[in-house]
Structures are given as structure tokens and as C-alpha cells.
Protein backbone atom coordinates (compact mmCIF):
# COMPACT_ATOMS: atom_id res chain seq x y z
CA MET A 1 -6.72 -7.54 -6.47
CA VAL A 2 -3.67 -6.35 -8.40
CA GLY A 3 -3.95 -2.87 -9.62
CA MET A 4 -6.76 -2.02 -7.08
CA ALA A 5 -6.21 1.37 -5.25
CA GLY A 6 -6.48 1.70 -1.49
CA THR A 7 -5.24 3.94 1.51
CA VAL A 8 -2.70 3.32 4.23
CA ALA A 9 -4.83 2.31 7.34
CA LEU A 10 -2.17 1.60 9.82
CA ALA A 11 1.30 3.27 9.62
CA PHE A 12 4.24 1.40 8.02
CA THR A 13 7.85 1.65 9.88
CA PRO A 14 11.08 0.85 8.24
CA SER A 15 11.11 -2.49 9.96
CA ALA A 16 7.46 -3.47 10.08
CA PRO A 17 4.54 -3.92 7.52
CA GLY A 18 1.58 -1.70 7.83
CA GLN A 19 -1.94 -2.13 6.66
CA VAL A 20 -4.02 -0.87 3.74
CA ARG A 21 -7.83 -0.43 3.21
CA LEU A 22 -8.61 -1.28 -0.42
CA ALA A 23 -11.22 0.08 -2.52
CA ASN A 24 -13.46 -2.85 -2.07
CA GLY A 25 -13.51 -2.25 1.65
CA GLU A 26 -11.21 -5.11 2.72
CA THR A 27 -8.30 -4.24 4.97
CA TRP A 28 -4.96 -6.17 4.24
CA SER A 29 -1.45 -6.42 5.98
CA ALA A 30 0.90 -4.60 3.39
CA ARG A 31 4.47 -4.14 2.68
CA PHE A 32 6.21 -1.93 0.00
CA ALA A 33 7.13 -3.27 -3.45
CA PRO A 34 10.94 -3.55 -3.85
CA GLY A 35 12.44 -0.13 -4.68
CA ALA A 36 9.84 2.04 -3.04
CA VAL A 37 11.41 5.21 -1.90
CA ASP A 38 9.00 6.27 0.77
CA ARG A 39 8.53 3.60 3.25
CA THR A 40 6.83 5.51 6.06
CA PRO A 41 3.91 7.25 4.31
CA PRO A 42 1.36 9.08 6.45
CA LEU A 43 -1.94 7.56 7.19
CA GLY A 44 -4.51 8.17 4.23
CA THR A 45 -1.77 7.91 1.45
CA ARG A 46 -3.07 6.49 -1.91
CA VAL A 47 -1.52 3.12 -2.86
CA VAL A 48 -1.94 0.73 -5.54
CA VAL A 49 -1.47 -3.06 -5.15
CA GLU A 50 1.28 -4.52 -7.14
CA SER A 51 0.94 -8.25 -6.07
CA ILE A 52 -0.34 -10.43 -3.31
CA GLU A 53 2.16 -12.59 -1.41
CA GLY A 54 -0.10 -15.07 0.91
CA SER A 55 -1.97 -12.71 3.09
CA THR A 56 -0.02 -9.44 2.41
CA ALA A 57 -0.56 -6.99 -0.23
CA VAL A 58 2.58 -5.71 -1.79
CA VAL A 59 2.07 -1.99 -2.70
CA ARG A 60 3.48 1.00 -3.96
CA ILE A 61 2.30 4.87 -3.70
CA GLU A 62 0.00 5.88 -6.41
CA GLN A 63 1.43 8.44 -8.73
CA LYS A 64 -0.61 11.43 -9.22
CA ALA A 65 -1.81 11.96 -12.66
CA ALA A 66 0.32 14.54 -14.80
CA GLN A 67 -1.79 17.94 -15.55
């Protein structure tokens, strides 16, 4: 799971976790990794799993590749 890509499926709020749909089709409760700047990304935003804590994926926003 760690390193797997996904997308925001249920909006995050500053005070509540959201949900992400992972590349393998699973939907997980999720929260942002410490230090994440944008904690309210729009639906469909690409994320990457940093770790798993119980039944919650800890994610960060996927960085776009340099061109």
C-alpha cells in the first residue's frame, strides 16, 4: 500500500478526514501526513499513500513530475 497512488473520493475538511480511492480500486478513510500544506484538496486530486495507521491511509498530494 505504501507508495500507491490514489485520488480524493470524499472531501477532506480542516477538522475531519476524507476518503481516497486507491489505484487497486479500494476506498480508504484518509488523513494528510504531518506538514501537508493543502488539507482541503478538491475531489479527484491525486495523492500518494505515505503510511497506514489502523484502517486509515496517511497521504500526501502527488507531486507533478518536472518537465
